[in-house]
C-alpha atoms as a PDB file:
ATOM      1  CA  MET A   1      92.228  37.988 103.230  1.00  0.00           C
ATOM      2  CA  GLY A   2      90.647  34.685 104.250  1.00  0.00           C
ATOM      3  CA  ALA A   3      89.803  35.811 107.776  1.00  0.00           C
ATOM      4  CA  ALA A   4      88.395  39.076 106.435  1.00  0.00           C
ATOM      5  CA  VAL A   5      85.881  37.095 104.383  1.00  0.00           C
ATOM      6  CA  PHE A   6      85.200  34.221 106.786  1.00  0.00           C
ATOM      7  CA  ALA A   7      84.964  36.036 110.148  1.00  0.00           C
ATOM      8  CA  PRO A   8      82.087  38.400 109.237  1.00  0.00           C
ATOM      9  CA  VAL A   9      80.024  35.484 107.913  1.00  0.00           C
ATOM     10  CA  VAL A  10      80.407  33.592 111.192  1.00  0.00           C
ATOM     11  CA  TYR A  11      79.676  36.712 113.261  1.00  0.00           C
ATOM     12  CA  ILE A  12      76.568  37.548 111.211  1.00  0.00           C
ATOM     13  CA  SER A  13      75.354  33.960 111.611  1.00  0.00           C
ATOM     14  CA  ASP A  14      75.812  34.193 115.372  1.00  0.00           C
ATOM     15  CA  ILE A  15      74.063  37.526 115.895  1.00  0.00           C
ATOM     16  CA  SER A  16      71.282  37.570 113.301  1.00  0.00           C
ATOM     17  CA  GLU A  17      67.732  36.460 113.803  1.00  0.00           C
ATOM     18  CA  ARG A  18      66.732  33.232 112.131  1.00  0.00           C
ATOM     19  CA  ASP A  19      64.345  34.961 109.697  1.00  0.00           C
ATOM     20  CA  ILE A  20      66.971  37.221 108.103  1.00  0.00           C
ATOM     21  CA  ARG A  21      70.186  35.222 108.564  1.00  0.00           C
ATOM     22  CA  GLY A  22      70.411  34.068 104.950  1.00  0.00           C
ATOM     23  CA  THR A  23      69.778  37.530 103.552  1.00  0.00           C
ATOM     24  CA  LEU A  24      72.419  39.115 105.766  1.00  0.00           C
ATOM     25  CA  ASN A  25      75.005  36.475 104.875  1.00  0.00           C
ATOM     26  CA  SER A  26      74.240  36.942 101.181  1.00  0.00           C
ATOM     27  CA  CYS A  27      74.906  40.668 101.562  1.00  0.00           C
ATOM     28  CA  GLY A  28      78.224  39.833 103.183  1.00  0.00           C
ATOM     29  CA  GLN A  29      79.195  37.772 100.157  1.00  0.00           C
ATOM     30  CA  ILE A  30      78.146  40.471  97.676  1.00  0.00           C
ATOM     31  CA  MET A  31      80.075  43.297  99.366  1.00  0.00           C
ATOM     32  CA  PRO A  32      83.537  42.303  98.027  1.00  0.00           C
ATOM     33  CA  ALA A  33      82.135  42.384  94.495  1.00  0.00           C
ATOM     34  CA  ILE A  34      80.577  45.801  95.139  1.00  0.00           C
ATOM     35  CA  GLY A  35      83.895  47.034  96.525  1.00  0.00           C
ATOM     36  CA  THR A  36      85.704  45.861  93.408  1.00  0.00           C
ATOM     37  CA  LEU A  37      83.139  47.577  91.206  1.00  0.00           C
ATOM     38  CA  PHE A  38      83.532  50.753  93.294  1.00  0.00           C
ATOM     39  CA  SER A  39      87.302  50.638  92.864  1.00  0.00           C
ATOM     40  CA  TYR A  40      87.129  50.139  89.081  1.00  0.00           C
ATOM     41  CA  THR A  41      84.581  52.946  88.777  1.00  0.00           C
ATOM     42  CA  LEU A  42      86.803  55.313  90.753  1.00  0.00           C
ATOM     43  CA  GLY A  43      89.730  54.352  88.553  1.00  0.00           C
ATOM     44  CA  SER A  44      87.980  55.651  85.463  1.00  0.00           C
ATOM     45  CA  PHE A  45      87.525  59.112  87.058  1.00  0.00           C
ATOM     46  CA  MET A  46      90.682  59.552  89.153  1.00  0.00           C
ATOM     47  CA  ASN A  47      94.383  59.006  88.897  1.00  0.00           C
ATOM     48  CA  TRP A  48      95.771  56.016  90.746  1.00  0.00           C
ATOM     49  CA  ARG A  49      96.936  57.974  93.819  1.00  0.00           C
ATOM     50  CA  TRP A  50      93.492  59.401  94.548  1.00  0.00           C
ATOM     51  CA  GLN A  51      91.897  56.066  93.791  1.00  0.00           C
ATOM     52  CA  THR A  52      94.166  54.379  96.322  1.00  0.00           C
ATOM     53  CA  PHE A  53      93.345  57.021  98.917  1.00  0.00           C
ATOM     54  CA  ALA A  54      89.584  56.726  98.281  1.00  0.00           C
ATOM     55  CA  SER A  55      89.789  52.922  98.430  1.00  0.00           C
ATOM     56  CA  THR A  56      91.327  53.046 101.912  1.00  0.00           C
ATOM     57  CA  ILE A  57      88.346  54.901 103.393  1.00  0.00           C
ATOM     58  CA  PRO A  58      85.884  51.925 103.627  1.00  0.00           C
ATOM     59  CA  PRO A  59      88.379  49.586 105.389  1.00  0.00           C
ATOM     60  CA  LEU A  60      89.394  52.338 107.816  1.00  0.00           C
ATOM     61  CA  LEU A  61      85.751  53.075 108.570  1.00  0.00           C
ATOM     62  CA  TYR A  62      85.211  49.332 109.086  1.00  0.00           C
ATOM     63  CA  LEU A  63      88.085  49.175 111.585  1.00  0.00           C
ATOM     64  CA  ILE A  64      86.879  52.225 113.500  1.00  0.00           C
ATOM     65  CA  LEU A  65      83.314  50.924 113.760  1.00  0.00           C
ATOM     66  CA  LEU A  66      84.551  47.467 114.739  1.00  0.00           C
ATOM     67  CA  VAL A  67      85.467  48.880 118.150  1.00  0.00           C
ATOM     68  CA  ILE A  68      81.811  49.402 119.129  1.00  0.00           C
ATOM     69  CA  VAL A  69      80.619  45.941 118.045  1.00  0.00           C
ATOM     70  CA  PRO A  70      80.128  43.569 120.995  1.00  0.00           C
ATOM     71  CA  GLU A  71      81.307  39.991 121.162  1.00  0.00           C
ATOM     72  CA  SER A  72      78.903  37.423 119.792  1.00  0.00           C
ATOM     73  CA  PRO A  73      76.374  36.255 122.417  1.00  0.00           C
ATOM     74  CA  ARG A  74      77.118  32.654 121.419  1.00  0.00           C
ATOM     75  CA  PHE A  75      80.846  33.259 122.006  1.00  0.00           C
ATOM     76  CA  LEU A  76      80.126  34.765 125.427  1.00  0.00           C
ATOM     77  CA  LEU A  77      77.824  31.903 126.391  1.00  0.00           C
ATOM     78  CA  LYS A  78      80.532  29.374 125.526  1.00  0.00           C
ATOM     79  CA  ARG A  79      82.743  31.152 128.050  1.00  0.00           C
ATOM     80  CA  ASN A  80      79.998  31.116 130.730  1.00  0.00           C
ATOM     81  CA  LYS A  81      79.455  34.899 130.604  1.00  0.00           C
ATOM     82  CA  LEU A  82      75.658  34.847 130.699  1.00  0.00           C
ATOM     83  CA  GLU A  83      75.137  38.460 131.798  1.00  0.00           C
ATOM     84  CA  GLU A  84      77.518  39.823 129.144  1.00  0.00           C
ATOM     85  CA  ALA A  85      75.782  37.693 126.508  1.00  0.00           C
ATOM     86  CA  PHE A  86      72.435  39.108 127.611  1.00  0.00           C
ATOM     87  CA  GLU A  87      73.730  42.704 127.401  1.00  0.00           C
ATOM     88  CA  ALA A  88      75.297  42.064 123.988  1.00  0.00           C
ATOM     89  CA  LEU A  89      72.079  40.600 122.613  1.00  0.00           C
ATOM     90  CA  CYS A  90      70.062  43.525 123.997  1.00  0.00           C
ATOM     91  CA  TRP A  91      72.457  45.928 122.263  1.00  0.00           C
ATOM     92  CA  LEU A  92      72.327  43.996 118.993  1.00  0.00           C
ATOM     93  CA  ARG A  93      68.538  43.819 119.009  1.00  0.00           C
ATOM     94  CA  GLY A  94      68.223  47.459 120.054  1.00  0.00           C
ATOM     95  CA  THR A  95      65.764  46.569 122.771  1.00  0.00           C
ATOM     96  CA  ASP A  96      65.402  46.520 126.512  1.00  0.00           C
ATOM     97  CA  SER A  97      62.705  43.846 126.362  1.00  0.00           C
ATOM     98  CA  THR A  98      64.276  41.324 128.672  1.00  0.00           C
ATOM     99  CA  ASP A  99      61.719  38.583 128.034  1.00  0.00           C
ATOM    100  CA  ASP A 100      62.357  38.412 124.287  1.00  0.00           C
ATOM    101  CA  VAL A 101      66.110  38.465 124.739  1.00  0.00           C
ATOM    102  CA  ARG A 102      66.052  35.814 127.483  1.00  0.00           C
ATOM    103  CA  ASP A 103      63.882  33.588 125.274  1.00  0.00           C
ATOM    104  CA  GLU A 104      66.351  33.969 122.413  1.00  0.00           C
ATOM    105  CA  LEU A 105      69.303  33.239 124.690  1.00  0.00           C
ATOM    106  CA  SER A 106      67.609  30.099 125.957  1.00  0.00           C
ATOM    107  CA  LEU A 107      67.363  28.891 122.340  1.00  0.00           C
ATOM    108  CA  VAL A 108      71.116  29.432 121.906  1.00  0.00           C
ATOM    109  CA  LEU A 109      71.887  27.437 125.047  1.00  0.00           C
END
């Protein structure tokens, strides 16, 4: 459970822009509470078997979508993979603007 809470916070800190980093990390801390609320709410409408089944959907979706997420650009730069870090940051920013991405990568270095 510890890695499931700690790892997303570190990843979000590595990939987010400076202006929204705090907001995104706050959302990451609120999500477990929202998940608990979701589970209790389902429990008042369903029997425990259906509640268990419905509660497995978000983690499974998380695992499936985790496959398409690239490595952190900071992680790649630490391993001297500059081109992969550039491609990952372009994908994360949703842009092909090489100047903006190169400027941001130079700040990470």
